[in-house]
Amino acid sequence: MRYLIITIFIIVPFFVTSCKNTKKEDKINIKNIIKQNNADSSINFIELNELEKLMAKKPKKVMILFYQPNCPYCNEMKENTLLDNNIIKIVNDNFYAVMINGKSKDEIMFRGITYVNDHPNPEDNPWRHNLFVELVNPYNGAYYWPTTVFLNEEFEKIRDFPGLQKIPQFKRALHNMIKR
């Protein structure tokens, strides 16, 4: 019995110490893994005013996502579709991505033209921004939120996709836009 108690007092501290070290190493490894995996965990959205400079250095197609605040479909697209790892990779590798509030009252300068939201009553809910109207074609006579517009390397419109795009649908659209 005495030998058993002495053995327990000698062995238990060894196990407790070795367990603590292993856990610290695991935490460090887990943090590194999370950090490495988050390097490409979101689409690299840029500001529209940066686009022309980047295009001059390295031409790519452009993806513009027009959204409006408090739009449930816009939020779903931003929180689901645009967070899919495959979509993130496709967009970051092949497009410059820009996200614009399509109801903003801010002036937007694009290709030497100043676009405004010229809604007649500034106290009301803002109207569609003129850049939105310029780039988006009405679908069945109406505008839908969100709308994704694709431009080629010369800033010419390729196509717009109105409304919420689910992951499989948006992947197909991206692959089609890459081929054009």
Protein backbone atom coordinates (compact mmCIF):
# COMPACT_ATOMS: atom_id res chain seq x y z
CA MET A 1 0.00 0.00 0.00
CA ARG A 2 2.79 2.36 0.86
CA TYR A 3 4.46 1.76 -2.51
CA LEU A 4 1.21 2.47 -4.28
CA ILE A 5 0.76 5.86 -2.58
CA ILE A 6 4.38 6.84 -3.25
CA THR A 7 4.04 5.80 -6.88
CA ILE A 8 0.85 7.85 -7.27
CA PHE A 9 2.54 10.96 -5.81
CA ILE A 10 5.46 10.56 -8.19
CA ILE A 11 3.50 9.74 -11.36
CA VAL A 12 0.49 12.09 -11.07
CA PRO A 13 2.49 15.34 -11.19
CA PHE A 14 4.26 14.05 -14.29
CA PHE A 15 0.95 13.44 -16.10
CA VAL A 16 -0.51 16.78 -15.06
CA THR A 17 2.58 18.64 -16.27
CA SER A 18 2.71 16.80 -19.58
CA CYS A 19 -1.00 17.42 -20.19
CA LYS A 20 -0.61 21.15 -19.67
CA ASN A 21 2.25 21.40 -22.17
CA THR A 22 0.35 19.47 -24.79
CA LYS A 23 -2.67 21.75 -24.45
CA LYS A 24 -0.55 24.88 -24.85
CA GLU A 25 1.02 23.49 -27.99
CA ASP A 26 -2.41 22.52 -29.33
CA LYS A 27 -3.74 26.03 -28.73
CA ILE A 28 -0.81 27.56 -30.56
CA ASN A 29 -1.24 25.18 -33.46
CA ILE A 30 -4.97 25.80 -33.62
CA LYS A 31 -4.42 29.58 -33.64
CA ASN A 32 -1.91 29.24 -36.47
CA ILE A 33 -4.23 27.03 -38.46
CA ILE A 34 -7.13 29.46 -38.03
CA LYS A 35 -4.91 32.38 -39.01
CA GLN A 36 -3.66 30.60 -42.13
CA ASN A 37 -7.16 29.55 -43.19
CA ASN A 38 -8.57 33.04 -42.71
CA ALA A 39 -6.03 34.59 -45.09
CA ASP A 40 -8.46 34.11 -47.98
CA SER A 41 -11.70 33.96 -46.05
CA SER A 42 -13.40 36.90 -47.72
CA ILE A 43 -13.69 38.62 -51.06
CA ASN A 44 -11.18 41.44 -51.50
CA PHE A 45 -13.62 44.28 -52.10
CA ILE A 46 -12.06 47.53 -53.27
CA GLU A 47 -13.38 51.08 -53.53
CA LEU A 48 -14.60 52.18 -56.95
CA ASN A 49 -12.10 55.06 -56.99
CA GLU A 50 -9.22 52.52 -56.75
CA LEU A 51 -10.47 50.51 -59.72
CA GLU A 52 -8.99 52.51 -62.59
CA LYS A 53 -5.50 52.53 -61.01
CA LEU A 54 -5.60 48.77 -60.46
CA MET A 55 -6.90 48.14 -63.97
CA ALA A 56 -4.01 50.16 -65.42
CA LYS A 57 -1.52 47.89 -63.61
CA LYS A 58 -3.29 44.55 -64.05
CA PRO A 59 -6.48 44.38 -66.13
CA LYS A 60 -9.18 42.04 -64.84
CA LYS A 61 -12.91 41.80 -65.21
CA VAL A 62 -14.97 43.70 -62.65
CA MET A 63 -17.79 42.51 -60.42
CA ILE A 64 -19.94 45.25 -58.89
CA LEU A 65 -22.47 44.27 -56.25
CA PHE A 66 -25.21 46.87 -55.77
CA TYR A 67 -27.01 46.47 -52.47
CA GLN A 68 -29.23 48.54 -50.25
CA PRO A 69 -29.15 48.75 -46.45
CA ASN A 70 -31.66 46.61 -44.55
CA CYS A 71 -32.41 44.50 -47.60
CA PRO A 72 -32.88 40.89 -46.45
CA TYR A 73 -31.88 39.46 -49.84
CA CYS A 74 -28.75 41.62 -49.94
CA ASN A 75 -27.82 40.48 -46.44
CA GLU A 76 -28.40 36.85 -47.34
CA MET A 77 -26.17 37.15 -50.38
CA LYS A 78 -23.43 38.88 -48.35
CA GLU A 79 -23.70 36.43 -45.43
CA ASN A 80 -24.06 33.19 -47.40
CA THR A 81 -23.21 33.31 -51.10
CA LEU A 82 -20.24 35.66 -50.82
CA LEU A 83 -18.75 33.72 -47.89
CA ASP A 84 -18.56 30.43 -49.77
CA ASN A 85 -14.88 29.41 -50.06
CA ASN A 86 -15.14 28.46 -53.73
CA ILE A 87 -16.85 31.72 -54.65
CA ILE A 88 -14.27 33.71 -52.68
CA LYS A 89 -11.44 32.03 -54.58
CA ILE A 90 -13.09 32.46 -57.99
CA VAL A 91 -13.83 36.14 -57.40
CA ASN A 92 -10.45 37.01 -55.88
CA ASP A 93 -8.56 35.21 -58.66
CA ASN A 94 -10.52 36.57 -61.63
CA PHE A 95 -12.24 39.84 -60.77
CA TYR A 96 -11.88 43.17 -59.07
CA ALA A 97 -14.85 43.25 -56.70
CA VAL A 98 -16.66 46.43 -55.72
CA MET A 99 -19.64 46.74 -53.37
CA ILE A 100 -21.80 49.85 -53.71
CA ASN A 101 -24.81 51.02 -51.75
CA GLY A 102 -27.21 51.56 -54.64
CA LYS A 103 -29.25 54.05 -52.64
CA SER A 104 -26.32 56.13 -51.41
CA LYS A 105 -26.56 59.90 -51.75
CA ASP A 106 -22.79 60.20 -52.16
CA GLU A 107 -21.36 61.36 -55.45
CA ILE A 108 -19.53 58.61 -57.30
CA MET A 109 -16.87 59.36 -59.89
CA PHE A 110 -16.52 56.58 -62.45
CA ARG A 111 -14.60 56.82 -65.71
CA GLY A 112 -14.54 60.61 -65.57
CA ILE A 113 -18.28 60.98 -64.99
CA THR A 114 -19.81 62.06 -61.69
CA TYR A 115 -22.90 60.08 -60.75
CA VAL A 116 -25.33 61.29 -58.10
CA ASN A 117 -28.54 60.20 -56.48
CA ASP A 118 -30.84 62.97 -57.65
CA HIS A 119 -33.89 62.03 -55.64
CA PRO A 120 -36.11 65.12 -55.39
CA ASN A 121 -36.77 64.92 -51.63
CA PRO A 122 -33.68 64.40 -49.45
CA GLU A 123 -35.75 63.57 -46.34
CA ASP A 124 -37.38 60.55 -47.97
CA ASN A 125 -35.88 57.16 -48.52
CA PRO A 126 -33.24 57.74 -51.21
CA TRP A 127 -33.94 56.78 -54.77
CA ARG A 128 -31.69 54.57 -56.86
CA HIS A 129 -28.26 56.00 -57.48
CA ASN A 130 -27.71 57.12 -61.08
CA LEU A 131 -24.71 54.78 -61.43
CA PHE A 132 -27.03 51.91 -60.54
CA VAL A 133 -29.51 53.04 -63.20
CA GLU A 134 -26.66 53.42 -65.72
CA LEU A 135 -25.32 49.88 -65.22
CA VAL A 136 -28.44 47.86 -64.36
CA ASN A 137 -31.17 46.93 -66.81
CA PRO A 138 -34.67 46.60 -65.36
CA TYR A 139 -35.81 42.98 -65.22
CA ASN A 140 -39.47 42.58 -66.19
CA GLY A 141 -39.85 46.33 -65.80
CA ALA A 142 -38.45 46.49 -62.25
CA TYR A 143 -35.13 46.82 -60.44
CA TYR A 144 -34.15 44.12 -57.94
CA TRP A 145 -31.84 44.12 -54.95
CA PRO A 146 -29.11 43.01 -54.82
CA THR A 147 -27.91 43.23 -58.40
CA THR A 148 -24.50 42.04 -59.54
CA VAL A 149 -22.98 43.69 -62.62
CA PHE A 150 -19.99 42.35 -64.55
CA LEU A 151 -17.74 44.56 -66.66
CA ASN A 152 -14.93 43.52 -68.99
CA GLU A 153 -11.37 44.84 -68.86
CA GLU A 154 -12.43 47.93 -70.88
CA PHE A 155 -15.23 48.74 -68.38
CA GLU A 156 -17.90 47.62 -70.85
CA LYS A 157 -20.89 45.91 -69.32
CA ILE A 158 -21.01 42.18 -69.95
CA ARG A 159 -24.15 41.34 -68.00
CA ASP A 160 -26.09 42.03 -64.83
CA PHE A 161 -27.74 39.48 -62.56
CA PRO A 162 -30.74 40.83 -60.65
CA GLY A 163 -31.72 39.60 -57.22
CA LEU A 164 -30.33 37.15 -54.72
CA GLN A 165 -27.94 34.63 -56.23
CA LYS A 166 -27.66 31.35 -54.33
CA ILE A 167 -24.27 29.60 -54.22
CA PRO A 168 -24.70 27.11 -57.13
CA GLN A 169 -26.37 29.74 -59.31
CA PHE A 170 -23.66 32.33 -58.59
CA LYS A 171 -20.84 29.85 -59.28
CA ARG A 172 -22.33 29.19 -62.73
CA ALA A 173 -22.65 32.92 -63.36
CA LEU A 174 -19.02 33.53 -62.33
CA HIS A 175 -17.72 30.75 -64.59
CA ASN A 176 -19.77 32.13 -67.48
CA MET A 177 -18.42 35.64 -66.90
CA ILE A 178 -14.83 34.34 -66.85
CA LYS A 179 -15.32 32.75 -70.28
CA ARG A 180 -16.72 35.96 -71.84
